[in-house]
Amino acid sequence: MSVFFNTCEVFLESGFVFSLIAMGYYLSYTILDFPDLTVEGTFLSGAVVYGLLLHHGVSPWFALLAAFLVGFLFGTLTGVLNVKLKIRPLLCGILVSTMLITVNLVAVTAGIAGDFKGETSSMITIGRAMETLMEVFPASLLPDKVSGIGLRNVVVFFVLAILLKLLLDLFLKTKCGLLLRASGDNAQFVVTQAKDAGNSKILGLAIGNAYAAVSGALYTEISGSVNQSMGIGMVVIGLASLIIGLSVFSRVHFMKATTKVIIGAIIYQACLTVAQKLGMPSAYNKLIMAFIFTIALIFSEYKKHGKHRAKHRERKESSHD
């Protein structure tokens, strides 16, 4: 029984953490129709900023906010390249994420060893002497474990995921949020309202990457370290979680899209965790991730075709009548 609860603990922790990337992709990919590859860099940027600030004794809550702002900054840069300089979306993400490979590496080496050449240690280890998010108020009020099962991490990550989900829901109801939705659906309509659809796109990409950076910061709490390979595969994780959530619960109309995305991230991480528990070597993780993502895409396309067939059938029936 303890094995079952430990397995649940693992995929719930990672599910809540990676759901933030999926929520960011809900803004960029679903609403703005912008395939943003920047998250592979901003995820690691959030982890680097968070790890460095913890290393220097800064409050974890302030470090989390700093990670958000760094992600927001680089997301804005991606938006500016696309909107102001007219560079294609995929190329914008590639350019910024490539630039961040160097930025993140130099930030780690400069912050740890004062080496701005990026030639010394490229890893940050969260030592026991460092005060992490789980050890400060209000997380410290929760018991670390109950009957041998970890509780604090799951509860804290759950609360943060729900809080950021609610903030995103509230934002999408504001005037800026409605303009952002309109920019994705019909940019010309936004122009007729004397508004700049480009600014809404920049804001959406900034928020999406800010969420990815916070996800990277929280993942540092799970892994206990920051390394330069952490961002690899984040695009797949974010998109797979998004597509699984929106496809599986497409007919559940009372559930908000952000809630579906969180559940999608949990389902995705549960599949990965179960595969590992069944004895799959960790070296195969990326292969499993790609396989699950492929299944999610096939399922999503199948449902789309099913809807088109149903609409076509309805049209034929109405025309016969």
Foldseek 3Di string as FASTA:
>chain_A
DVVVLQLLLVLLLLLLLLLLLLVLCCLQCVQQVFLALQLLLLLLQLQLQLLLCLVVQHDSVVSLVVSLQVQLVLLLQLLCCCLVVVDHRVVSNVVSSVVSLLVLLQSNCCSPPVDNVSPDDRKGFQDPVGQHPCCDPPNVVDDQDDPNRGDSSSVVSVVVSVVVLVVLVVCCPDPLNVLSSCLRVPVVVCVVVVHHSSVSSSNSSSNSSSSSSSSSNSVCVVVRMRHSNVSPPSSLLNQQLLLQLCLVCVVVVVDDSSVSSSVSSSVLSSQLSVCVVVPDDPVCSSVSSVVSSVVSVVSSVVVVVVVVVVVVVVVVVVVVD
